[in-house]
């Protein structure tokens, strides 16, 4: 895991568009990675308490499809 994180961070730094704003860009990347870990359990708790555990699978599938569609909307990286 440590090797993966080191290579991932190096790749993130290598593809940043502007070295002048590298700290801000890395902060946004960190927030994007962390927010899923923050909101995932909250969404799961809400779904399980309102619709039951079996509802987690269709809800998770819908969230994955929405995420995939949002990624496909990215046209190009500047």
C-alpha atoms as a PDB file:
ATOM      1  CA  UNK A   1       0.000   0.000   0.000  1.00  0.00           C
ATOM      2  CA  UNK A   2       2.865   2.358   0.773  1.00  0.00           C
ATOM      3  CA  UNK A   3       4.407   1.809  -2.659  1.00  0.00           C
ATOM      4  CA  UNK A   4       1.048   2.385  -4.331  1.00  0.00           C
ATOM      5  CA  UNK A   5       0.473   5.617  -2.424  1.00  0.00           C
ATOM      6  CA  UNK A   6       3.956   6.894  -3.256  1.00  0.00           C
ATOM      7  CA  UNK A   7       3.533   6.183  -6.985  1.00  0.00           C
ATOM      8  CA  UNK A   8      -0.008   7.591  -6.959  1.00  0.00           C
ATOM      9  CA  UNK A   9       1.139  10.824  -5.314  1.00  0.00           C
ATOM     10  CA  UNK A  10       4.073  11.155  -7.736  1.00  0.00           C
ATOM     11  CA  UNK A  11       1.721  10.669 -10.690  1.00  0.00           C
ATOM     12  CA  UNK A  12      -0.702  13.227  -9.261  1.00  0.00           C
ATOM     13  CA  UNK A  13       2.090  15.794  -8.982  1.00  0.00           C
ATOM     14  CA  UNK A  14       3.393  14.970 -12.475  1.00  0.00           C
ATOM     15  CA  UNK A  15       0.045  15.632 -14.190  1.00  0.00           C
ATOM     16  CA  UNK A  16      -0.848  18.873 -12.425  1.00  0.00           C
ATOM     17  CA  UNK A  17      -1.553  21.605 -14.971  1.00  0.00           C
ATOM     18  CA  UNK A  18       0.247  24.491 -13.250  1.00  0.00           C
ATOM     19  CA  UNK A  19       3.169  24.198 -10.804  1.00  0.00           C
ATOM     20  CA  UNK A  20       2.181  27.570  -9.305  1.00  0.00           C
ATOM     21  CA  UNK A  21      -1.101  26.129  -7.983  1.00  0.00           C
ATOM     22  CA  UNK A  22       0.163  22.648  -7.079  1.00  0.00           C
ATOM     23  CA  UNK A  23      -0.733  22.955  -3.379  1.00  0.00           C
ATOM     24  CA  UNK A  24      -4.304  23.986  -4.138  1.00  0.00           C
ATOM     25  CA  UNK A  25      -4.707  21.229  -6.724  1.00  0.00           C
ATOM     26  CA  UNK A  26      -3.336  18.572  -4.363  1.00  0.00           C
ATOM     27  CA  UNK A  27      -5.716  19.835  -1.674  1.00  0.00           C
ATOM     28  CA  UNK A  28      -8.658  19.398  -4.036  1.00  0.00           C
ATOM     29  CA  UNK A  29      -7.482  15.878  -4.918  1.00  0.00           C
ATOM     30  CA  UNK A  30      -7.179  15.062  -1.213  1.00  0.00           C
ATOM     31  CA  UNK A  31     -10.658  16.414  -0.515  1.00  0.00           C
ATOM     32  CA  UNK A  32     -12.112  14.387  -3.396  1.00  0.00           C
ATOM     33  CA  UNK A  33     -10.528  11.217  -2.000  1.00  0.00           C
ATOM     34  CA  UNK A  34     -11.621  11.935   1.571  1.00  0.00           C
ATOM     35  CA  UNK A  35     -15.214  13.040   1.009  1.00  0.00           C
ATOM     36  CA  UNK A  36     -16.241   9.581  -0.182  1.00  0.00           C
ATOM     37  CA  UNK A  37     -14.970   8.097   3.066  1.00  0.00           C
ATOM     38  CA  UNK A  38     -16.871  10.725   5.034  1.00  0.00           C
ATOM     39  CA  UNK A  39     -20.201  10.573   3.215  1.00  0.00           C
ATOM     40  CA  UNK A  40     -20.222   6.836   2.404  1.00  0.00           C
ATOM     41  CA  UNK A  41     -21.044   5.663   5.930  1.00  0.00           C
ATOM     42  CA  UNK A  42     -23.582   8.465   6.356  1.00  0.00           C
ATOM     43  CA  UNK A  43     -25.395   7.512   3.156  1.00  0.00           C
ATOM     44  CA  UNK A  44     -25.206   3.819   4.060  1.00  0.00           C
ATOM     45  CA  UNK A  45     -26.651   4.494   7.519  1.00  0.00           C
ATOM     46  CA  UNK A  46     -29.520   6.499   6.041  1.00  0.00           C
ATOM     47  CA  UNK A  47     -30.308   3.858   3.413  1.00  0.00           C
ATOM     48  CA  UNK A  48     -30.082   0.928   5.826  1.00  0.00           C
ATOM     49  CA  UNK A  49     -32.219   2.605   8.480  1.00  0.00           C
ATOM     50  CA  UNK A  50     -34.892   3.726   6.026  1.00  0.00           C
ATOM     51  CA  UNK A  51     -35.019   0.879   3.472  1.00  0.00           C
ATOM     52  CA  UNK A  52     -33.074  -2.014   4.973  1.00  0.00           C
ATOM     53  CA  UNK A  53     -29.734  -3.604   4.233  1.00  0.00           C
ATOM     54  CA  UNK A  54     -30.788  -5.134   0.906  1.00  0.00           C
ATOM     55  CA  UNK A  55     -31.454  -1.666  -0.500  1.00  0.00           C
ATOM     56  CA  UNK A  56     -27.743  -0.859  -0.208  1.00  0.00           C
ATOM     57  CA  UNK A  57     -26.925  -2.821  -3.358  1.00  0.00           C
ATOM     58  CA  UNK A  58     -29.279  -0.982  -5.769  1.00  0.00           C
ATOM     59  CA  UNK A  59     -28.396   2.367  -4.178  1.00  0.00           C
ATOM     60  CA  UNK A  60     -24.681   1.613  -4.479  1.00  0.00           C
ATOM     61  CA  UNK A  61     -25.168   0.596  -8.115  1.00  0.00           C
ATOM     62  CA  UNK A  62     -27.018   3.850  -8.845  1.00  0.00           C
ATOM     63  CA  UNK A  63     -24.265   5.895  -7.185  1.00  0.00           C
ATOM     64  CA  UNK A  64     -21.612   4.077  -9.248  1.00  0.00           C
ATOM     65  CA  UNK A  65     -23.538   4.676 -12.484  1.00  0.00           C
ATOM     66  CA  UNK A  66     -23.923   8.386 -11.676  1.00  0.00           C
ATOM     67  CA  UNK A  67     -20.193   8.599 -10.910  1.00  0.00           C
ATOM     68  CA  UNK A  68     -19.339   6.874 -14.167  1.00  0.00           C
ATOM     69  CA  UNK A  69     -21.587   9.217 -16.151  1.00  0.00           C
ATOM     70  CA  UNK A  70     -19.995  12.239 -14.502  1.00  0.00           C
ATOM     71  CA  UNK A  71     -16.534  10.953 -15.396  1.00  0.00           C
ATOM     72  CA  UNK A  72     -17.609  10.345 -18.998  1.00  0.00           C
ATOM     73  CA  UNK A  73     -18.718  13.988 -19.224  1.00  0.00           C
ATOM     74  CA  UNK A  74     -15.084  15.098 -18.884  1.00  0.00           C
ATOM     75  CA  UNK A  75     -14.088  15.999 -22.411  1.00  0.00           C
ATOM     76  CA  UNK A  76     -10.367  16.637 -22.024  1.00  0.00           C
ATOM     77  CA  UNK A  77      -7.714  17.660 -19.558  1.00  0.00           C
ATOM     78  CA  UNK A  78      -6.093  21.000 -20.214  1.00  0.00           C
END
